PDB file of N, CA and C in Angstrom:
ATOM      1  N   MET A   1     188.607  92.688 105.815  1.00  0.00           N
ATOM      2  CA  MET A   1     187.464  92.784 104.915  1.00  0.00           C
ATOM      3  C   MET A   1     187.320  94.239 104.464  1.00  0.00           C
ATOM      4  N   ASN A   2     187.346  94.465 103.208  1.00  0.00           N
ATOM      5  CA  ASN A   2     187.266  95.809 102.679  1.00  0.00           C
ATOM      6  C   ASN A   2     185.809  96.152 102.389  1.00  0.00           C
ATOM      7  N   LEU A   3     185.255  97.061 103.192  1.00  0.00           N
ATOM      8  CA  LEU A   3     183.845  97.407 103.041  1.00  0.00           C
ATOM      9  C   LEU A   3     183.610  98.335 101.862  1.00  0.00           C
ATOM     10  N   ILE A   4     184.618  99.108 101.494  1.00  0.00           N
ATOM     11  CA  ILE A   4     184.444 100.021 100.373  1.00  0.00           C
ATOM     12  C   ILE A   4     184.277  99.241  99.075  1.00  0.00           C
ATOM     13  N   SER A   5     184.898  98.080  98.968  1.00  0.00           N
ATOM     14  CA  SER A   5     184.776  97.297  97.738  1.00  0.00           C
ATOM     15  C   SER A   5     183.358  96.756  97.553  1.00  0.00           C
ATOM     16  N   LYS A   6     182.594  96.621  98.649  1.00  0.00           N
ATOM     17  CA  LYS A   6     181.213  96.149  98.539  1.00  0.00           C
ATOM     18  C   LYS A   6     180.270  97.237  98.040  1.00  0.00           C
ATOM     19  N   TYR A   7     180.687  98.482  98.169  1.00  0.00           N
ATOM     20  CA  TYR A   7     179.846  99.600  97.759  1.00  0.00           C
ATOM     21  C   TYR A   7     179.827  99.708  96.244  1.00  0.00           C
ATOM     22  N   GLU A   8     178.642  99.823  95.692  1.00  0.00           N
ATOM     23  CA  GLU A   8     178.509  99.956  94.245  1.00  0.00           C
ATOM     24  C   GLU A   8     178.360 101.429  93.893  1.00  0.00           C
ATOM     25  N   GLU A   9     179.146 101.870  92.958  1.00  0.00           N
ATOM     26  CA  GLU A   9     179.077 103.255  92.525  1.00  0.00           C
ATOM     27  C   GLU A   9     177.775 103.489  91.757  1.00  0.00           C
ATOM     28  N   PRO A  10     177.100 104.600  92.034  1.00  0.00           N
ATOM     29  CA  PRO A  10     175.877 104.889  91.287  1.00  0.00           C
ATOM     30  C   PRO A  10     176.193 105.273  89.845  1.00  0.00           C
ATOM     31  N   ARG A  11     175.238 105.021  88.985  1.00  0.00           N
ATOM     32  CA  ARG A  11     175.408 105.388  87.584  1.00  0.00           C
ATOM     33  C   ARG A  11     175.381 106.901  87.446  1.00  0.00           C
ATOM     34  N   ARG A  12     176.252 107.428  86.662  1.00  0.00           N
ATOM     35  CA  ARG A  12     176.293 108.872  86.474  1.00  0.00           C
ATOM     36  C   ARG A  12     175.913 109.200  85.040  1.00  0.00           C
ATOM     37  N   GLU A  13     174.931 110.056  84.930  1.00  0.00           N
ATOM     38  CA  GLU A  13     174.521 110.510  83.610  1.00  0.00           C
ATOM     39  C   GLU A  13     175.094 111.908  83.427  1.00  0.00           C
ATOM     40  N   THR A  14     176.019 112.034  82.539  1.00  0.00           N
ATOM     41  CA  THR A  14     176.661 113.323  82.316  1.00  0.00           C
ATOM     42  C   THR A  14     176.357 113.817  80.916  1.00  0.00           C
ATOM     43  N   ILE A  15     176.371 115.099  80.806  1.00  0.00           N
ATOM     44  CA  ILE A  15     176.173 115.738  79.512  1.00  0.00           C
ATOM     45  C   ILE A  15     177.560 116.013  78.940  1.00  0.00           C
ATOM     46  N   ILE A  16     177.817 115.514  77.768  1.00  0.00           N
ATOM     47  CA  ILE A  16     179.114 115.741  77.129  1.00  0.00           C
ATOM     48  C   ILE A  16     178.942 116.861  76.118  1.00  0.00           C
ATOM     49  N   GLU A  17     179.705 117.898  76.333  1.00  0.00           N
ATOM     50  CA  GLU A  17     179.600 119.068  75.470  1.00  0.00           C
ATOM     51  C   GLU A  17     180.926 119.250  74.744  1.00  0.00           C
ATOM     52  N   GLU A  18     180.858 119.376  73.456  1.00  0.00           N
ATOM     53  CA  GLU A  18     182.070 119.575  72.671  1.00  0.00           C
ATOM     54  C   GLU A  18     182.100 121.007  72.155  1.00  0.00           C
ATOM     55  N   ASP A  19     183.198 121.644  72.413  1.00  0.00           N
ATOM     56  CA  ASP A  19     183.378 123.019  71.976  1.00  0.00           C
ATOM     57  C   ASP A  19     184.060 123.000  70.607  1.00  0.00           C
ATOM     58  N   PRO A  20     183.492 123.668  69.616  1.00  0.00           N
ATOM     59  CA  PRO A  20     184.112 123.634  68.287  1.00  0.00           C
ATOM     60  C   PRO A  20     185.483 124.320  68.241  1.00  0.00           C
ATOM     61  N   LEU A  21     185.731 125.274  69.140  1.00  0.00           N
ATOM     62  CA  LEU A  21     187.011 125.980  69.149  1.00  0.00           C
ATOM     63  C   LEU A  21     188.079 125.242  69.948  1.00  0.00           C
ATOM     64  N   CYS A  22     187.659 124.300  70.757  1.00  0.00           N
ATOM     65  CA  CYS A  22     188.600 123.590  71.620  1.00  0.00           C
ATOM     66  C   CYS A  22     188.482 122.088  71.358  1.00  0.00           C
ATOM     67  N   ARG A  23     189.585 121.372  71.481  1.00  0.00           N
ATOM     68  CA  ARG A  23     189.563 119.929  71.247  1.00  0.00           C
ATOM     69  C   ARG A  23     189.096 119.140  72.472  1.00  0.00           C
ATOM     70  N   CYS A  24     189.040 119.797  73.607  1.00  0.00           N
ATOM     71  CA  CYS A  24     188.675 119.081  74.830  1.00  0.00           C
ATOM     72  C   CYS A  24     187.157 118.894  74.926  1.00  0.00           C
ATOM     73  N   THR A  25     186.753 117.894  75.645  1.00  0.00           N
ATOM     74  CA  THR A  25     185.330 117.667  75.887  1.00  0.00           C
ATOM     75  C   THR A  25     185.057 117.952  77.353  1.00  0.00           C
ATOM     76  N   LYS A  26     183.910 118.529  77.628  1.00  0.00           N
ATOM     77  CA  LYS A  26     183.539 118.887  78.989  1.00  0.00           C
ATOM     78  C   LYS A  26     182.376 118.012  79.434  1.00  0.00           C
ATOM     79  N   ASN A  27     182.520 117.453  80.605  1.00  0.00           N
ATOM     80  CA  ASN A  27     181.416 116.715  81.202  1.00  0.00           C
ATOM     81  C   ASN A  27     180.699 117.660  82.151  1.00  0.00           C
ATOM     82  N   ILE A  28     179.474 117.980  81.835  1.00  0.00           N
ATOM     83  CA  ILE A  28     178.705 118.909  82.648  1.00  0.00           C
ATOM     84  C   ILE A  28     177.679 118.116  83.440  1.00  0.00           C
ATOM     85  N   ARG A  29     177.774 118.240  84.763  1.00  0.00           N
ATOM     86  CA  ARG A  29     176.815 117.566  85.637  1.00  0.00           C
ATOM     87  C   ARG A  29     175.905 118.615  86.244  1.00  0.00           C
ATOM     88  N   THR A  30     174.637 118.291  86.339  1.00  0.00           N
ATOM     89  CA  THR A  30     173.683 119.235  86.901  1.00  0.00           C
ATOM     90  C   THR A  30     173.822 119.266  88.418  1.00  0.00           C
ATOM     91  N   MET A  31     173.217 120.274  89.039  1.00  0.00           N
ATOM     92  CA  MET A  31     173.263 120.393  90.495  1.00  0.00           C
ATOM     93  C   MET A  31     172.555 119.214  91.142  1.00  0.00           C
ATOM     94  N   LYS A  32     171.509 118.725  90.514  1.00  0.00           N
ATOM     95  CA  LYS A  32     170.796 117.560  91.043  1.00  0.00           C
ATOM     96  C   LYS A  32     171.716 116.341  91.083  1.00  0.00           C
ATOM     97  N   GLN A  33     172.494 116.127  90.033  1.00  0.00           N
ATOM     98  CA  GLN A  33     173.434 115.002  89.995  1.00  0.00           C
ATOM     99  C   GLN A  33     174.525 115.159  91.044  1.00  0.00           C
ATOM    100  N   LYS A  34     174.994 116.393  91.247  1.00  0.00           N
ATOM    101  CA  LYS A  34     176.020 116.631  92.259  1.00  0.00           C
ATOM    102  C   LYS A  34     175.485 116.348  93.661  1.00  0.00           C
ATOM    103  N   THR A  35     174.262 116.803  93.948  1.00  0.00           N
ATOM    104  CA  THR A  35     173.697 116.555  95.281  1.00  0.00           C
ATOM    105  C   THR A  35     173.427 115.070  95.488  1.00  0.00           C
ATOM    106  N   GLU A  36     173.026 114.363  94.450  1.00  0.00           N
ATOM    107  CA  GLU A  36     172.844 112.909  94.573  1.00  0.00           C
ATOM    108  C   GLU A  36     174.174 112.222  94.869  1.00  0.00           C
ATOM    109  N   ASP A  37     175.243 112.674  94.234  1.00  0.00           N
ATOM    110  CA  ASP A  37     176.572 112.115  94.506  1.00  0.00           C
ATOM    111  C   ASP A  37     176.993 112.383  95.945  1.00  0.00           C
ATOM    112  N   TRP A  38     176.758 113.600  96.429  1.00  0.00           N
ATOM    113  CA  TRP A  38     177.100 113.934  97.813  1.00  0.00           C
ATOM    114  C   TRP A  38     176.304 113.079  98.781  1.00  0.00           C
ATOM    115  N   ARG A  39     175.021 112.918  98.489  1.00  0.00           N
ATOM    116  CA  ARG A  39     174.160 112.103  99.347  1.00  0.00           C
ATOM    117  C   ARG A  39     174.636 110.649  99.364  1.00  0.00           C
ATOM    118  N   ASN A  40     175.004 110.124  98.201  1.00  0.00           N
ATOM    119  CA  ASN A  40     175.507 108.749  98.134  1.00  0.00           C
ATOM    120  C   ASN A  40     176.818 108.594  98.891  1.00  0.00           C
ATOM    121  N   GLU A  41     177.677 109.609  98.821  1.00  0.00           N
ATOM    122  CA  GLU A  41     178.929 109.569  99.588  1.00  0.00           C
ATOM    123  C   GLU A  41     178.631 109.532 101.082  1.00  0.00           C
ATOM    124  N   CYS A  42     177.691 110.358 101.537  1.00  0.00           N
ATOM    125  CA  CYS A  42     177.333 110.377 102.961  1.00  0.00           C
ATOM    126  C   CYS A  42     176.774 109.033 103.393  1.00  0.00           C
ATOM    127  N   VAL A  43     175.905 108.452 102.583  1.00  0.00           N
ATOM    128  CA  VAL A  43     175.323 107.150 102.908  1.00  0.00           C
ATOM    129  C   VAL A  43     176.412 106.087 102.975  1.00  0.00           C
ATOM    130  N   LYS A  44     177.349 106.137 102.046  1.00  0.00           N
ATOM    131  CA  LYS A  44     178.435 105.157 102.018  1.00  0.00           C
ATOM    132  C   LYS A  44     179.265 105.238 103.292  1.00  0.00           C
ATOM    133  N   TYR A  45     179.671 106.453 103.686  1.00  0.00           N
ATOM    134  CA  TYR A  45     180.524 106.580 104.862  1.00  0.00           C
ATOM    135  C   TYR A  45     179.759 106.330 106.155  1.00  0.00           C
ATOM    136  N   ARG A  46     178.478 106.667 106.204  1.00  0.00           N
ATOM    137  CA  ARG A  46     177.671 106.325 107.384  1.00  0.00           C
ATOM    138  C   ARG A  46     177.600 104.818 107.562  1.00  0.00           C
ATOM    139  N   ALA A  47     177.398 104.101 106.462  1.00  0.00           N
ATOM    140  CA  ALA A  47     177.328 102.637 106.535  1.00  0.00           C
ATOM    141  C   ALA A  47     178.662 102.058 106.989  1.00  0.00           C
ATOM    142  N   LEU A  48     179.767 102.614 106.505  1.00  0.00           N
ATOM    143  CA  LEU A  48     181.083 102.132 106.926  1.00  0.00           C
ATOM    144  C   LEU A  48     181.320 102.389 108.409  1.00  0.00           C
ATOM    145  N   ILE A  49     180.892 103.545 108.896  1.00  0.00           N
ATOM    146  CA  ILE A  49     181.074 103.867 110.311  1.00  0.00           C
ATOM    147  C   ILE A  49     180.201 102.975 111.173  1.00  0.00           C
ATOM    148  N   ARG A  50     178.980 102.707 110.747  1.00  0.00           N
ATOM    149  CA  ARG A  50     178.092 101.840 111.536  1.00  0.00           C
ATOM    150  C   ARG A  50     178.636 100.423 111.643  1.00  0.00           C
ATOM    151  N   ARG A  51     179.233  99.921 110.582  1.00  0.00           N
ATOM    152  CA  ARG A  51     179.746  98.550 110.580  1.00  0.00           C
ATOM    153  C   ARG A  51     181.060  98.420 111.339  1.00  0.00           C
ATOM    154  N   ARG A  52     181.756  99.506 111.473  1.00  0.00           N
ATOM    155  CA  ARG A  52     183.062  99.468 112.152  1.00  0.00           C
ATOM    156  C   ARG A  52     182.850  99.337 113.652  1.00  0.00           C
ATOM    157  N   LYS A  53     183.630  98.494 114.264  1.00  0.00           N
ATOM    158  CA  LYS A  53     183.514  98.280 115.698  1.00  0.00           C
ATOM    159  C   LYS A  53     184.520  99.173 116.414  1.00  0.00           C
ATOM    160  N   PHE A  54     184.024 100.209 117.064  1.00  0.00           N
ATOM    161  CA  PHE A  54     184.874 101.106 117.826  1.00  0.00           C
ATOM    162  C   PHE A  54     184.908 100.639 119.269  1.00  0.00           C
ATOM    163  N   PRO A  55     186.064 100.666 119.904  1.00  0.00           N
ATOM    164  CA  PRO A  55     186.130 100.211 121.295  1.00  0.00           C
ATOM    165  C   PRO A  55     185.462 101.205 122.235  1.00  0.00           C
ATOM    166  N   ASN A  56     184.829 100.694 123.256  1.00  0.00           N
ATOM    167  CA  ASN A  56     184.285 101.547 124.301  1.00  0.00           C
ATOM    168  C   ASN A  56     185.435 102.041 125.163  1.00  0.00           C
ATOM    169  N   TYR A  57     185.148 102.942 126.052  1.00  0.00           N
ATOM    170  CA  TYR A  57     186.206 103.522 126.865  1.00  0.00           C
ATOM    171  C   TYR A  57     186.894 102.459 127.716  1.00  0.00           C
ATOM    172  N   PHE A  58     186.117 101.618 128.373  1.00  0.00           N
ATOM    173  CA  PHE A  58     186.698 100.651 129.295  1.00  0.00           C
ATOM    174  C   PHE A  58     187.267  99.416 128.597  1.00  0.00           C
ATOM    175  N   SER A  59     186.930  99.210 127.358  1.00  0.00           N
ATOM    176  CA  SER A  59     187.512  98.072 126.645  1.00  0.00           C
ATOM    177  C   SER A  59     188.594  98.524 125.663  1.00  0.00           C
ATOM    178  N   SER A  60     189.089  99.730 125.850  1.00  0.00           N
ATOM    179  CA  SER A  60     190.109 100.243 124.937  1.00  0.00           C
ATOM    180  C   SER A  60     191.463  99.612 125.230  1.00  0.00           C
ATOM    181  N   GLN A  61     192.365  99.778 124.311  1.00  0.00           N
ATOM    182  CA  GLN A  61     193.706  99.214 124.454  1.00  0.00           C
ATOM    183  C   GLN A  61     194.437  99.859 125.627  1.00  0.00           C
ATOM    184  N   PHE A  62     194.219 101.143 125.840  1.00  0.00           N
ATOM    185  CA  PHE A  62     194.862 101.842 126.957  1.00  0.00           C
ATOM    186  C   PHE A  62     194.455 101.228 128.291  1.00  0.00           C
ATOM    187  N   CYS A  63     193.171 100.964 128.469  1.00  0.00           N
ATOM    188  CA  CYS A  63     192.703 100.387 129.733  1.00  0.00           C
ATOM    189  C   CYS A  63     193.240  98.969 129.931  1.00  0.00           C
ATOM    190  N   LYS A  64     193.381  98.214 128.866  1.00  0.00           N
ATOM    191  CA  LYS A  64     193.939  96.860 128.986  1.00  0.00           C
ATOM    192  C   LYS A  64     195.395  96.917 129.446  1.00  0.00           C
ATOM    193  N   ILE A  65     196.161  97.840 128.895  1.00  0.00           N
ATOM    194  CA  ILE A  65     197.559  97.996 129.307  1.00  0.00           C
ATOM    195  C   ILE A  65     197.624  98.466 130.758  1.00  0.00           C
ATOM    196  N   PHE A  66     196.764  99.396 131.110  1.00  0.00           N
ATOM    197  CA  PHE A  66     196.744  99.939 132.469  1.00  0.00           C
ATOM    198  C   PHE A  66     196.403  98.856 133.494  1.00  0.00           C
ATOM    199  N   LYS A  67     195.438  97.988 133.170  1.00  0.00           N
ATOM    200  CA  LYS A  67     195.033  96.923 134.095  1.00  0.00           C
ATOM    201  C   LYS A  67     196.143  95.899 134.283  1.00  0.00           C
ATOM    202  N   THR A  68     196.914  95.619 133.243  1.00  0.00           N
ATOM    203  CA  THR A  68     197.983  94.624 133.368  1.00  0.00           C
ATOM    204  C   THR A  68     199.151  95.146 134.197  1.00  0.00           C
ATOM    205  N   ARG A  69     199.318  96.437 134.296  1.00  0.00           N
ATOM    206  CA  ARG A  69     200.441  97.013 135.047  1.00  0.00           C
ATOM    207  C   ARG A  69     200.110  97.239 136.514  1.00  0.00           C
ATOM    208  N   ILE A  70     198.859  97.146 136.888  1.00  0.00           N
ATOM    209  CA  ILE A  70     198.478  97.373 138.297  1.00  0.00           C
ATOM    210  C   ILE A  70     198.775  96.161 139.136  1.00  0.00           C
TER     211      ILE A  70
END
């Protein structure tokens, strides 16, 4: 089950600035938008870590192998 696919990307409002001397367009994001993106990334990865089942020390694969060899 891919948990990242369940995550919805937040809408990004960017300012598009066109330079008359250059053909390229620049997407300028404010500091507020950048911090919101960072916060959303942290929330996304925290949720993924919480949902992931990590083995405890005594139920780890190493302990299972060790118990079978004794």
